[in-house]
């Protein structure tokens, strides 16, 4: 499957995932399960249940292997990544998520131990990692491996890079999934792509903001069409705000935009720590950009209003706003069109 088709098909809201399934036809082989047309009743069920947020846990076999290989740098990366991710997701959920009244944090292994009727009490936020690899013994076919935790390997965190700062690509990425516990491994769940294989605080914040907005909109019986109208109006506020752009994104022309195409409104380059601080403090006067899977999105910092996202759709999300510059130019055109009318 071509990279562009792959990126478009997996983007926001729904994705079909299967362990060791061929990429060809993978994402169009399942019927829509209704999550993108959430009824008021189903959306309300998400809000009324208790929330479990999946955390990472040490794999003692990996610890022993790294210790045996006498590679303290990789072992340190492995342990620190798990510690930092768990702290980040807890901080962001505690600060930003208000949909569910009860929240608990559990490892994937502990979540799996919940049995029978007890599952109907919970909704889950979990990170799911997908990695496209060549199928053994074939020349063109691809296999998509799915991990319900963020494992240690050369392309996950640690490995040869000895780093956890790995940006998601079209063939290797992490998704935030929100689902009823009994549907944990079902295809076509509500998902949002993370900008990094090991999600960073801003990735997590954006995913929580998007999911909160989508579920609340469906609880209020807002149609996808009306959600698009809402976004097209809200995005005009970007002209009055300073857009916070991470240092990492600012260095990448494929994210910022090439040539004479630049973001037309006020912006400020910040460290990831400064960006996280603004998000948690809900600083007035700012928006922040989140870039993942070839699309730029924007959120107002002060009240977590979504200002720009690709439009929701039943099967795919198609966005031509593939850079921060294109996002800004698109908003500028909407403002100019409104002034003409």
C-alpha atoms as a PDB file:
ATOM      1  CA  UNK A   1       0.000   0.000   0.000  1.00  0.00           C
ATOM      2  CA  UNK A   2       1.348   3.420  -0.875  1.00  0.00           C
ATOM      3  CA  UNK A   3       2.561   5.582   2.005  1.00  0.00           C
ATOM      4  CA  UNK A   4       0.060   8.381   1.377  1.00  0.00           C
ATOM      5  CA  UNK A   5      -2.879   5.992   1.325  1.00  0.00           C
ATOM      6  CA  UNK A   6      -1.556   4.376   4.496  1.00  0.00           C
ATOM      7  CA  UNK A   7      -1.231   7.729   6.278  1.00  0.00           C
ATOM      8  CA  UNK A   8      -4.668   8.952   5.219  1.00  0.00           C
ATOM      9  CA  UNK A   9      -6.448   5.762   6.149  1.00  0.00           C
ATOM     10  CA  UNK A  10      -5.064   5.450   9.661  1.00  0.00           C
ATOM     11  CA  UNK A  11      -5.597   9.073  10.672  1.00  0.00           C
ATOM     12  CA  UNK A  12      -8.045  10.304  13.308  1.00  0.00           C
ATOM     13  CA  UNK A  13     -11.094   8.586  14.771  1.00  0.00           C
ATOM     14  CA  UNK A  14     -11.000   4.989  13.474  1.00  0.00           C
ATOM     15  CA  UNK A  15      -8.417   2.428  12.491  1.00  0.00           C
ATOM     16  CA  UNK A  16      -8.596  -1.274  11.866  1.00  0.00           C
ATOM     17  CA  UNK A  17      -5.622  -3.126  13.318  1.00  0.00           C
ATOM     18  CA  UNK A  18      -4.734  -6.808  13.127  1.00  0.00           C
ATOM     19  CA  UNK A  19      -1.585  -8.578  14.273  1.00  0.00           C
ATOM     20  CA  UNK A  20       0.353 -10.020  11.337  1.00  0.00           C
ATOM     21  CA  UNK A  21      -2.264  -8.998   8.755  1.00  0.00           C
ATOM     22  CA  UNK A  22      -1.145  -7.935   5.326  1.00  0.00           C
ATOM     23  CA  UNK A  23      -1.226  -4.185   4.777  1.00  0.00           C
ATOM     24  CA  UNK A  24      -2.928  -4.610   1.408  1.00  0.00           C
ATOM     25  CA  UNK A  25      -6.628  -4.179   2.181  1.00  0.00           C
ATOM     26  CA  UNK A  26      -5.988  -4.140   5.931  1.00  0.00           C
ATOM     27  CA  UNK A  27      -7.785  -0.908   6.735  1.00  0.00           C
ATOM     28  CA  UNK A  28     -10.780  -1.403   4.453  1.00  0.00           C
ATOM     29  CA  UNK A  29     -11.457  -5.031   5.409  1.00  0.00           C
ATOM     30  CA  UNK A  30     -13.690  -4.286   8.395  1.00  0.00           C
ATOM     31  CA  UNK A  31     -17.149  -2.709   8.460  1.00  0.00           C
ATOM     32  CA  UNK A  32     -17.610   0.617  10.234  1.00  0.00           C
ATOM     33  CA  UNK A  33     -18.539  -0.204  13.816  1.00  0.00           C
ATOM     34  CA  UNK A  34     -20.460   2.995  14.443  1.00  0.00           C
ATOM     35  CA  UNK A  35     -17.874   4.795  16.576  1.00  0.00           C
ATOM     36  CA  UNK A  36     -17.600   7.623  14.083  1.00  0.00           C
ATOM     37  CA  UNK A  37     -21.363   8.047  14.241  1.00  0.00           C
ATOM     38  CA  UNK A  38     -21.624   7.727  17.998  1.00  0.00           C
ATOM     39  CA  UNK A  39     -25.186   7.812  19.241  1.00  0.00           C
ATOM     40  CA  UNK A  40     -25.972  10.014  22.215  1.00  0.00           C
ATOM     41  CA  UNK A  41     -26.513   6.829  24.249  1.00  0.00           C
ATOM     42  CA  UNK A  42     -23.176   5.249  23.301  1.00  0.00           C
ATOM     43  CA  UNK A  43     -21.205   8.471  23.779  1.00  0.00           C
ATOM     44  CA  UNK A  44     -22.808   8.940  27.176  1.00  0.00           C
ATOM     45  CA  UNK A  45     -21.750   5.407  28.122  1.00  0.00           C
ATOM     46  CA  UNK A  46     -18.130   6.392  27.555  1.00  0.00           C
ATOM     47  CA  UNK A  47     -18.545   9.274  29.990  1.00  0.00           C
ATOM     48  CA  UNK A  48     -20.488   7.367  32.639  1.00  0.00           C
ATOM     49  CA  UNK A  49     -18.048   4.495  33.005  1.00  0.00           C
ATOM     50  CA  UNK A  50     -14.936   4.453  35.181  1.00  0.00           C
ATOM     51  CA  UNK A  51     -11.770   5.275  33.266  1.00  0.00           C
ATOM     52  CA  UNK A  52      -8.645   3.120  33.209  1.00  0.00           C
ATOM     53  CA  UNK A  53      -5.491   4.704  31.807  1.00  0.00           C
ATOM     54  CA  UNK A  54      -2.908   2.150  30.690  1.00  0.00           C
ATOM     55  CA  UNK A  55       0.628   2.663  31.975  1.00  0.00           C
ATOM     56  CA  UNK A  56       3.886   0.904  31.113  1.00  0.00           C
ATOM     57  CA  UNK A  57       5.600  -1.653  33.292  1.00  0.00           C
ATOM     58  CA  UNK A  58       9.109  -3.108  33.330  1.00  0.00           C
ATOM     59  CA  UNK A  59       9.642  -6.395  31.525  1.00  0.00           C
ATOM     60  CA  UNK A  60      12.042  -8.283  33.756  1.00  0.00           C
ATOM     61  CA  UNK A  61      13.281 -10.376  30.814  1.00  0.00           C
ATOM     62  CA  UNK A  62      14.350  -7.183  29.024  1.00  0.00           C
ATOM     63  CA  UNK A  63      16.004  -5.847  32.168  1.00  0.00           C
ATOM     64  CA  UNK A  64      17.948  -9.092  32.593  1.00  0.00           C
ATOM     65  CA  UNK A  65      18.958  -9.142  28.917  1.00  0.00           C
ATOM     66  CA  UNK A  66      20.284  -5.581  28.971  1.00  0.00           C
ATOM     67  CA  UNK A  67      22.007  -6.156  32.267  1.00  0.00           C
ATOM     68  CA  UNK A  68      23.621  -9.351  30.951  1.00  0.00           C
ATOM     69  CA  UNK A  69      24.827  -7.520  27.831  1.00  0.00           C
ATOM     70  CA  UNK A  70      26.467  -4.940  30.081  1.00  0.00           C
ATOM     71  CA  UNK A  71      24.844  -2.037  28.265  1.00  0.00           C
ATOM     72  CA  UNK A  72      24.039   0.458  31.025  1.00  0.00           C
ATOM     73  CA  UNK A  73      23.038   3.209  28.579  1.00  0.00           C
ATOM     74  CA  UNK A  74      20.311   1.099  26.976  1.00  0.00           C
ATOM     75  CA  UNK A  75      19.133  -0.149  30.353  1.00  0.00           C
ATOM     76  CA  UNK A  76      18.981   3.409  31.659  1.00  0.00           C
ATOM     77  CA  UNK A  77      17.003   4.492  28.581  1.00  0.00           C
ATOM     78  CA  UNK A  78      14.581   1.610  29.038  1.00  0.00           C
ATOM     79  CA  UNK A  79      13.915   2.363  32.706  1.00  0.00           C
ATOM     80  CA  UNK A  80      13.788   6.148  32.356  1.00  0.00           C
ATOM     81  CA  UNK A  81      11.415   5.985  29.378  1.00  0.00           C
ATOM     82  CA  UNK A  82       8.888   3.928  31.299  1.00  0.00           C
ATOM     83  CA  UNK A  83       9.177   6.168  34.340  1.00  0.00           C
ATOM     84  CA  UNK A  84       8.858   9.385  32.310  1.00  0.00           C
ATOM     85  CA  UNK A  85       5.954   8.147  30.175  1.00  0.00           C
ATOM     86  CA  UNK A  86       3.959   7.039  33.226  1.00  0.00           C
ATOM     87  CA  UNK A  87       4.574  10.407  34.886  1.00  0.00           C
ATOM     88  CA  UNK A  88       3.630  12.305  31.704  1.00  0.00           C
ATOM     89  CA  UNK A  89       0.371  10.505  31.025  1.00  0.00           C
ATOM     90  CA  UNK A  90      -0.713  10.734  34.672  1.00  0.00           C
ATOM     91  CA  UNK A  91       0.058  14.452  34.804  1.00  0.00           C
ATOM     92  CA  UNK A  92      -1.816  15.161  31.574  1.00  0.00           C
ATOM     93  CA  UNK A  93      -4.862  13.031  32.415  1.00  0.00           C
ATOM     94  CA  UNK A  94      -5.102  14.448  35.946  1.00  0.00           C
ATOM     95  CA  UNK A  95      -4.819  18.008  34.595  1.00  0.00           C
ATOM     96  CA  UNK A  96      -6.849  17.853  31.388  1.00  0.00           C
ATOM     97  CA  UNK A  97      -9.323  14.956  31.393  1.00  0.00           C
ATOM     98  CA  UNK A  98     -12.695  15.782  32.966  1.00  0.00           C
ATOM     99  CA  UNK A  99     -15.045  13.447  31.108  1.00  0.00           C
ATOM    100  CA  UNK A 100     -14.995  10.545  33.601  1.00  0.00           C
ATOM    101  CA  UNK A 101     -15.409  11.034  37.343  1.00  0.00           C
ATOM    102  CA  UNK A 102     -13.344   7.989  38.334  1.00  0.00           C
ATOM    103  CA  UNK A 103      -9.825   7.425  36.968  1.00  0.00           C
ATOM    104  CA  UNK A 104      -7.317   4.688  37.801  1.00  0.00           C
ATOM    105  CA  UNK A 105      -3.914   3.804  36.336  1.00  0.00           C
ATOM    106  CA  UNK A 106      -3.075   0.189  35.513  1.00  0.00           C
ATOM    107  CA  UNK A 107      -0.540  -1.743  33.467  1.00  0.00           C
ATOM    108  CA  UNK A 108      -1.689  -3.578  30.356  1.00  0.00           C
ATOM    109  CA  UNK A 109      -1.130  -6.899  32.104  1.00  0.00           C
ATOM    110  CA  UNK A 110      -3.388  -5.876  35.006  1.00  0.00           C
ATOM    111  CA  UNK A 111      -6.045  -4.607  32.613  1.00  0.00           C
ATOM    112  CA  UNK A 112      -6.078  -8.004  30.911  1.00  0.00           C
ATOM    113  CA  UNK A 113      -6.778  -9.638  34.282  1.00  0.00           C
ATOM    114  CA  UNK A 114     -10.162  -7.900  34.569  1.00  0.00           C
ATOM    115  CA  UNK A 115     -12.699 -10.580  33.759  1.00  0.00           C
ATOM    116  CA  UNK A 116     -16.322 -11.071  32.784  1.00  0.00           C
ATOM    117  CA  UNK A 117     -18.966  -8.614  33.913  1.00  0.00           C
ATOM    118  CA  UNK A 118     -16.398  -6.363  35.570  1.00  0.00           C
ATOM    119  CA  UNK A 119     -15.275  -5.230  32.111  1.00  0.00           C
ATOM    120  CA  UNK A 120     -18.585  -3.430  31.535  1.00  0.00           C
ATOM    121  CA  UNK A 121     -17.654  -0.927  34.253  1.00  0.00           C
ATOM    122  CA  UNK A 122     -14.685   0.538  32.423  1.00  0.00           C
ATOM    123  CA  UNK A 123     -13.558   2.585  29.449  1.00  0.00           C
ATOM    124  CA  UNK A 124      -9.853   2.499  28.609  1.00  0.00           C
ATOM    125  CA  UNK A 125      -7.261   4.939  27.273  1.00  0.00           C
ATOM    126  CA  UNK A 126      -4.304   2.953  25.962  1.00  0.00           C
ATOM    127  CA  UNK A 127      -1.384   3.509  23.613  1.00  0.00           C
ATOM    128  CA  UNK A 128      -1.176   1.061  20.702  1.00  0.00           C
ATOM    129  CA  UNK A 129       2.000   0.793  18.619  1.00  0.00           C
ATOM    130  CA  UNK A 130       1.873  -0.347  14.983  1.00  0.00           C
ATOM    131  CA  UNK A 131       4.922  -1.241  12.957  1.00  0.00           C
ATOM    132  CA  UNK A 132       4.866  -2.126   9.265  1.00  0.00           C
ATOM    133  CA  UNK A 133       7.498  -4.712   8.350  1.00  0.00           C
ATOM    134  CA  UNK A 134       8.232  -6.848   5.275  1.00  0.00           C
ATOM    135  CA  UNK A 135       6.463 -10.194   5.377  1.00  0.00           C
ATOM    136  CA  UNK A 136       9.039 -13.000   5.657  1.00  0.00           C
ATOM    137  CA  UNK A 137       9.430 -14.959   2.435  1.00  0.00           C
ATOM    138  CA  UNK A 138       7.750 -12.363   0.207  1.00  0.00           C
ATOM    139  CA  UNK A 139       9.067  -9.545  -1.960  1.00  0.00           C
ATOM    140  CA  UNK A 140       6.291  -6.930  -1.740  1.00  0.00           C
ATOM    141  CA  UNK A 141       3.844  -7.844   1.028  1.00  0.00           C
ATOM    142  CA  UNK A 142       3.921  -6.036   4.354  1.00  0.00           C
ATOM    143  CA  UNK A 143       2.942  -7.163   7.823  1.00  0.00           C
ATOM    144  CA  UNK A 144       1.588  -4.831  10.503  1.00  0.00           C
ATOM    145  CA  UNK A 145       2.633  -5.801  13.998  1.00  0.00           C
ATOM    146  CA  UNK A 146       0.517  -4.460  16.843  1.00  0.00           C
ATOM    147  CA  UNK A 147       1.781  -3.921  20.381  1.00  0.00           C
ATOM    148  CA  UNK A 148      -0.484  -2.974  23.268  1.00  0.00           C
ATOM    149  CA  UNK A 149       2.501  -1.638  25.147  1.00  0.00           C
ATOM    150  CA  UNK A 150       5.598   0.196  23.943  1.00  0.00           C
ATOM    151  CA  UNK A 151       8.167  -2.557  23.735  1.00  0.00           C
ATOM    152  CA  UNK A 152      11.959  -2.338  23.693  1.00  0.00           C
ATOM    153  CA  UNK A 153      13.502  -2.840  20.280  1.00  0.00           C
ATOM    154  CA  UNK A 154      15.642  -1.031  17.744  1.00  0.00           C
ATOM    155  CA  UNK A 155      12.698   1.029  16.475  1.00  0.00           C
ATOM    156  CA  UNK A 156      10.765   1.464  19.699  1.00  0.00           C
ATOM    157  CA  UNK A 157      12.839   3.072  22.413  1.00  0.00           C
ATOM    158  CA  UNK A 158      16.399   2.264  23.340  1.00  0.00           C
ATOM    159  CA  UNK A 159      17.769  -0.136  20.791  1.00  0.00           C
ATOM    160  CA  UNK A 160      20.589   1.093  18.589  1.00  0.00           C
ATOM    161  CA  UNK A 161      19.517   4.717  18.959  1.00  0.00           C
ATOM    162  CA  UNK A 162      19.654   4.659  22.750  1.00  0.00           C
ATOM    163  CA  UNK A 163      16.929   7.311  22.726  1.00  0.00           C
ATOM    164  CA  UNK A 164      13.184   7.551  23.231  1.00  0.00           C
ATOM    165  CA  UNK A 165      12.801  10.671  21.066  1.00  0.00           C
ATOM    166  CA  UNK A 166      11.642   8.887  17.904  1.00  0.00           C
ATOM    167  CA  UNK A 167       9.062  10.625  15.703  1.00  0.00           C
ATOM    168  CA  UNK A 168       6.220   8.544  14.332  1.00  0.00           C
ATOM    169  CA  UNK A 169       6.347   7.739  10.618  1.00  0.00           C
ATOM    170  CA  UNK A 170       3.818   6.377   8.140  1.00  0.00           C
ATOM    171  CA  UNK A 171       5.085   2.844   8.760  1.00  0.00           C
ATOM    172  CA  UNK A 172       5.835   2.982  12.480  1.00  0.00           C
ATOM    173  CA  UNK A 173       3.629   4.951  14.830  1.00  0.00           C
ATOM    174  CA  UNK A 174       1.718   4.998  18.084  1.00  0.00           C
ATOM    175  CA  UNK A 175      -1.995   5.683  18.514  1.00  0.00           C
ATOM    176  CA  UNK A 176      -3.974   6.739  21.552  1.00  0.00           C
ATOM    177  CA  UNK A 177      -7.018   4.466  21.659  1.00  0.00           C
ATOM    178  CA  UNK A 178     -10.195   5.117  23.652  1.00  0.00           C
ATOM    179  CA  UNK A 179     -12.512   2.135  23.896  1.00  0.00           C
ATOM    180  CA  UNK A 180     -14.882   0.187  26.097  1.00  0.00           C
ATOM    181  CA  UNK A 181     -12.832  -2.407  27.968  1.00  0.00           C
ATOM    182  CA  UNK A 182     -14.692  -5.351  26.459  1.00  0.00           C
ATOM    183  CA  UNK A 183     -13.723  -4.019  22.996  1.00  0.00           C
ATOM    184  CA  UNK A 184     -10.051  -3.503  23.851  1.00  0.00           C
ATOM    185  CA  UNK A 185      -8.700  -5.508  20.904  1.00  0.00           C
ATOM    186  CA  UNK A 186     -11.518  -4.935  18.434  1.00  0.00           C
ATOM    187  CA  UNK A 187     -10.646  -3.220  15.130  1.00  0.00           C
ATOM    188  CA  UNK A 188     -12.103   0.190  14.257  1.00  0.00           C
ATOM    189  CA  UNK A 189     -11.688   1.853  17.632  1.00  0.00           C
ATOM    190  CA  UNK A 190     -11.577   5.597  18.254  1.00  0.00           C
ATOM    191  CA  UNK A 191      -7.930   6.570  17.890  1.00  0.00           C
ATOM    192  CA  UNK A 192      -5.706   9.606  17.573  1.00  0.00           C
ATOM    193  CA  UNK A 193      -2.147   9.377  16.171  1.00  0.00           C
ATOM    194  CA  UNK A 194       0.738  10.394  18.410  1.00  0.00           C
ATOM    195  CA  UNK A 195       3.595  12.468  17.015  1.00  0.00           C
ATOM    196  CA  UNK A 196       6.206  10.195  18.607  1.00  0.00           C
ATOM    197  CA  UNK A 197       6.551   6.436  19.030  1.00  0.00           C
ATOM    198  CA  UNK A 198       6.893   7.091  22.743  1.00  0.00           C
ATOM    199  CA  UNK A 199       4.237   9.823  23.151  1.00  0.00           C
ATOM    200  CA  UNK A 200       5.521  13.115  24.498  1.00  0.00           C
ATOM    201  CA  UNK A 201       3.450  15.350  26.840  1.00  0.00           C
ATOM    202  CA  UNK A 202       2.149  17.532  23.981  1.00  0.00           C
ATOM    203  CA  UNK A 203       1.121  14.414  22.002  1.00  0.00           C
ATOM    204  CA  UNK A 204      -0.817  13.114  25.005  1.00  0.00           C
ATOM    205  CA  UNK A 205      -2.424  16.503  25.665  1.00  0.00           C
ATOM    206  CA  UNK A 206      -3.629  16.787  22.080  1.00  0.00           C
ATOM    207  CA  UNK A 207      -5.017  13.243  22.049  1.00  0.00           C
ATOM    208  CA  UNK A 208      -6.953  13.843  25.256  1.00  0.00           C
ATOM    209  CA  UNK A 209      -8.281  17.151  23.951  1.00  0.00           C
ATOM    210  CA  UNK A 210      -9.444  15.639  20.670  1.00  0.00           C
ATOM    211  CA  UNK A 211     -11.141  12.651  22.309  1.00  0.00           C
ATOM    212  CA  UNK A 212     -12.859  14.843  24.900  1.00  0.00           C
ATOM    213  CA  UNK A 213     -14.165  17.133  22.155  1.00  0.00           C
ATOM    214  CA  UNK A 214     -15.358  14.295  19.940  1.00  0.00           C
ATOM    215  CA  UNK A 215     -17.175  12.344  22.655  1.00  0.00           C
ATOM    216  CA  UNK A 216     -18.778  15.463  24.169  1.00  0.00           C
ATOM    217  CA  UNK A 217     -19.912  16.578  20.718  1.00  0.00           C
ATOM    218  CA  UNK A 218     -21.597  13.232  20.145  1.00  0.00           C
ATOM    219  CA  UNK A 219     -23.177  13.338  23.615  1.00  0.00           C
ATOM    220  CA  UNK A 220     -24.727  16.631  22.505  1.00  0.00           C
ATOM    221  CA  UNK A 221     -25.868  14.981  19.234  1.00  0.00           C
ATOM    222  CA  UNK A 222     -23.659  17.199  17.053  1.00  0.00           C
ATOM    223  CA  UNK A 223     -23.237  15.810  13.543  1.00  0.00           C
ATOM    224  CA  UNK A 224     -19.856  15.468  11.833  1.00  0.00           C
ATOM    225  CA  UNK A 225     -20.965  18.157   9.372  1.00  0.00           C
ATOM    226  CA  UNK A 226     -21.719  20.577  12.193  1.00  0.00           C
ATOM    227  CA  UNK A 227     -18.389  19.721  13.842  1.00  0.00           C
ATOM    228  CA  UNK A 228     -16.616  20.758  10.636  1.00  0.00           C
ATOM    229  CA  UNK A 229     -18.579  24.015  10.587  1.00  0.00           C
ATOM    230  CA  UNK A 230     -17.610  24.606  14.208  1.00  0.00           C
ATOM    231  CA  UNK A 231     -13.917  24.035  13.487  1.00  0.00           C
ATOM    232  CA  UNK A 232     -13.972  26.295  10.418  1.00  0.00           C
ATOM    233  CA  UNK A 233     -15.313  29.088  12.600  1.00  0.00           C
ATOM    234  CA  UNK A 234     -13.126  28.420  15.663  1.00  0.00           C
ATOM    235  CA  UNK A 235      -9.900  28.319  13.654  1.00  0.00           C
ATOM    236  CA  UNK A 236     -10.211  32.017  12.795  1.00  0.00           C
ATOM    237  CA  UNK A 237      -9.126  32.756  16.359  1.00  0.00           C
ATOM    238  CA  UNK A 238      -5.594  31.641  15.398  1.00  0.00           C
ATOM    239  CA  UNK A 239      -5.128  35.101  13.877  1.00  0.00           C
ATOM    240  CA  UNK A 240      -5.370  36.610  17.382  1.00  0.00           C
ATOM    241  CA  UNK A 241      -3.154  34.087  19.207  1.00  0.00           C
ATOM    242  CA  UNK A 242       0.557  33.255  19.331  1.00  0.00           C
ATOM    243  CA  UNK A 243       1.129  29.743  18.016  1.00  0.00           C
ATOM    244  CA  UNK A 244       3.615  27.756  20.109  1.00  0.00           C
ATOM    245  CA  UNK A 245       5.853  25.550  17.950  1.00  0.00           C
ATOM    246  CA  UNK A 246       8.300  23.065  19.461  1.00  0.00           C
ATOM    247  CA  UNK A 247      11.982  23.382  18.648  1.00  0.00           C
ATOM    248  CA  UNK A 248      11.865  19.927  17.089  1.00  0.00           C
ATOM    249  CA  UNK A 249       9.083  20.875  14.662  1.00  0.00           C
ATOM    250  CA  UNK A 250      10.635  24.266  13.887  1.00  0.00           C
ATOM    251  CA  UNK A 251      13.804  22.579  12.573  1.00  0.00           C
ATOM    252  CA  UNK A 252      11.899  20.395  10.101  1.00  0.00           C
ATOM    253  CA  UNK A 253      11.000  22.011   6.753  1.00  0.00           C
ATOM    254  CA  UNK A 254       8.604  19.158   5.978  1.00  0.00           C
ATOM    255  CA  UNK A 255       6.595  20.203   9.029  1.00  0.00           C
ATOM    256  CA  UNK A 256       6.995  23.975   8.848  1.00  0.00           C
ATOM    257  CA  UNK A 257       6.645  24.401   5.081  1.00  0.00           C
ATOM    258  CA  UNK A 258       9.230  25.024   2.386  1.00  0.00           C
ATOM    259  CA  UNK A 259      10.050  27.963   0.145  1.00  0.00           C
ATOM    260  CA  UNK A 260       8.094  31.164   0.562  1.00  0.00           C
ATOM    261  CA  UNK A 261       5.196  29.461   2.328  1.00  0.00           C
ATOM    262  CA  UNK A 262       5.250  30.505   5.966  1.00  0.00           C
ATOM    263  CA  UNK A 263       2.763  30.552   8.828  1.00  0.00           C
ATOM    264  CA  UNK A 264       0.966  33.909   8.370  1.00  0.00           C
ATOM    265  CA  UNK A 265       0.174  34.689  12.014  1.00  0.00           C
ATOM    266  CA  UNK A 266       2.256  35.242  15.142  1.00  0.00           C
ATOM    267  CA  UNK A 267       4.278  32.255  16.372  1.00  0.00           C
ATOM    268  CA  UNK A 268       6.902  31.428  18.988  1.00  0.00           C
ATOM    269  CA  UNK A 269       9.443  28.600  19.085  1.00  0.00           C
ATOM    270  CA  UNK A 270       9.699  26.911  22.489  1.00  0.00           C
ATOM    271  CA  UNK A 271      11.357  23.927  24.106  1.00  0.00           C
ATOM    272  CA  UNK A 272       9.214  20.877  24.797  1.00  0.00           C
ATOM    273  CA  UNK A 273       9.431  21.700  28.516  1.00  0.00           C
ATOM    274  CA  UNK A 274       8.163  25.243  27.897  1.00  0.00           C
ATOM    275  CA  UNK A 275       5.363  23.898  25.705  1.00  0.00           C
ATOM    276  CA  UNK A 276       4.295  21.443  28.384  1.00  0.00           C
ATOM    277  CA  UNK A 277       4.342  24.206  31.017  1.00  0.00           C
ATOM    278  CA  UNK A 278       2.074  26.418  28.902  1.00  0.00           C
ATOM    279  CA  UNK A 279      -0.361  23.550  28.309  1.00  0.00           C
ATOM    280  CA  UNK A 280      -0.616  22.724  32.010  1.00  0.00           C
ATOM    281  CA  UNK A 281      -0.843  26.395  33.055  1.00  0.00           C
ATOM    282  CA  UNK A 282      -3.491  27.088  30.372  1.00  0.00           C
ATOM    283  CA  UNK A 283      -1.694  30.327  29.532  1.00  0.00           C
ATOM    284  CA  UNK A 284      -3.995  32.952  27.895  1.00  0.00           C
ATOM    285  CA  UNK A 285      -3.102  34.312  24.470  1.00  0.00           C
ATOM    286  CA  UNK A 286      -1.552  31.137  23.050  1.00  0.00           C
ATOM    287  CA  UNK A 287      -2.349  28.148  20.884  1.00  0.00           C
ATOM    288  CA  UNK A 288      -0.091  25.160  20.305  1.00  0.00           C
ATOM    289  CA  UNK A 289       0.460  23.086  17.213  1.00  0.00           C
ATOM    290  CA  UNK A 290       0.429  19.300  17.170  1.00  0.00           C
ATOM    291  CA  UNK A 291       1.901  17.563  14.144  1.00  0.00           C
ATOM    292  CA  UNK A 292       1.275  13.906  13.432  1.00  0.00           C
ATOM    293  CA  UNK A 293       0.841  11.732  10.364  1.00  0.00           C
ATOM    294  CA  UNK A 294       1.376  14.558   7.914  1.00  0.00           C
ATOM    295  CA  UNK A 295      -1.231  16.916   9.339  1.00  0.00           C
ATOM    296  CA  UNK A 296      -0.955  20.045  11.465  1.00  0.00           C
ATOM    297  CA  UNK A 297      -3.569  20.651  14.161  1.00  0.00           C
ATOM    298  CA  UNK A 298      -3.987  23.504  16.640  1.00  0.00           C
ATOM    299  CA  UNK A 299      -5.433  23.879  20.140  1.00  0.00           C
ATOM    300  CA  UNK A 300      -6.138  27.014  22.168  1.00  0.00           C
ATOM    301  CA  UNK A 301      -4.072  26.705  25.346  1.00  0.00           C
ATOM    302  CA  UNK A 302      -6.322  28.639  27.732  1.00  0.00           C
ATOM    303  CA  UNK A 303      -9.472  26.539  27.432  1.00  0.00           C
ATOM    304  CA  UNK A 304      -8.371  23.562  25.279  1.00  0.00           C
ATOM    305  CA  UNK A 305     -10.602  24.574  22.371  1.00  0.00           C
ATOM    306  CA  UNK A 306      -9.754  22.708  19.178  1.00  0.00           C
ATOM    307  CA  UNK A 307      -9.034  25.347  16.565  1.00  0.00           C
ATOM    308  CA  UNK A 308      -7.886  23.225  13.628  1.00  0.00           C
ATOM    309  CA  UNK A 309      -8.142  19.514  12.866  1.00  0.00           C
ATOM    310  CA  UNK A 310      -8.816  17.532   9.700  1.00  0.00           C
ATOM    311  CA  UNK A 311     -12.524  17.003   9.270  1.00  0.00           C
ATOM    312  CA  UNK A 312     -14.052  13.878  10.847  1.00  0.00           C
ATOM    313  CA  UNK A 313     -15.379  11.312   8.394  1.00  0.00           C
ATOM    314  CA  UNK A 314     -16.809   7.808   8.526  1.00  0.00           C
ATOM    315  CA  UNK A 315     -13.798   5.986   7.138  1.00  0.00           C
ATOM    316  CA  UNK A 316     -10.841   8.317   6.650  1.00  0.00           C
ATOM    317  CA  UNK A 317      -9.635  11.782   7.469  1.00  0.00           C
ATOM    318  CA  UNK A 318      -8.177  13.543   4.491  1.00  0.00           C
ATOM    319  CA  UNK A 319      -6.204  16.710   5.076  1.00  0.00           C
ATOM    320  CA  UNK A 320      -4.379  18.924   2.603  1.00  0.00           C
ATOM    321  CA  UNK A 321      -2.962  20.954   5.497  1.00  0.00           C
ATOM    322  CA  UNK A 322       0.202  18.893   5.620  1.00  0.00           C
ATOM    323  CA  UNK A 323       2.423  21.633   7.068  1.00  0.00           C
ATOM    324  CA  UNK A 324       2.073  24.362   9.678  1.00  0.00           C
ATOM    325  CA  UNK A 325       2.330  26.929   6.886  1.00  0.00           C
ATOM    326  CA  UNK A 326      -0.497  25.321   4.898  1.00  0.00           C
ATOM    327  CA  UNK A 327      -2.665  25.188   8.019  1.00  0.00           C
ATOM    328  CA  UNK A 328      -2.159  28.905   8.592  1.00  0.00           C
ATOM    329  CA  UNK A 329      -2.739  29.820   4.952  1.00  0.00           C
ATOM    330  CA  UNK A 330      -5.951  27.765   4.922  1.00  0.00           C
ATOM    331  CA  UNK A 331      -7.199  29.614   8.006  1.00  0.00           C
ATOM    332  CA  UNK A 332      -6.234  32.948   6.473  1.00  0.00           C
ATOM    333  CA  UNK A 333      -8.341  32.148   3.396  1.00  0.00           C
ATOM    334  CA  UNK A 334     -11.332  31.290   5.595  1.00  0.00           C
ATOM    335  CA  UNK A 335     -10.961  34.638   7.357  1.00  0.00           C
ATOM    336  CA  UNK A 336     -10.736  36.504   4.047  1.00  0.00           C
ATOM    337  CA  UNK A 337     -13.750  34.639   2.664  1.00  0.00           C
ATOM    338  CA  UNK A 338     -15.777  35.540   5.758  1.00  0.00           C
ATOM    339  CA  UNK A 339     -14.821  39.206   5.390  1.00  0.00           C
ATOM    340  CA  UNK A 340     -15.970  39.229   1.770  1.00  0.00           C
ATOM    341  CA  UNK A 341     -19.329  37.779   2.703  1.00  0.00           C
END
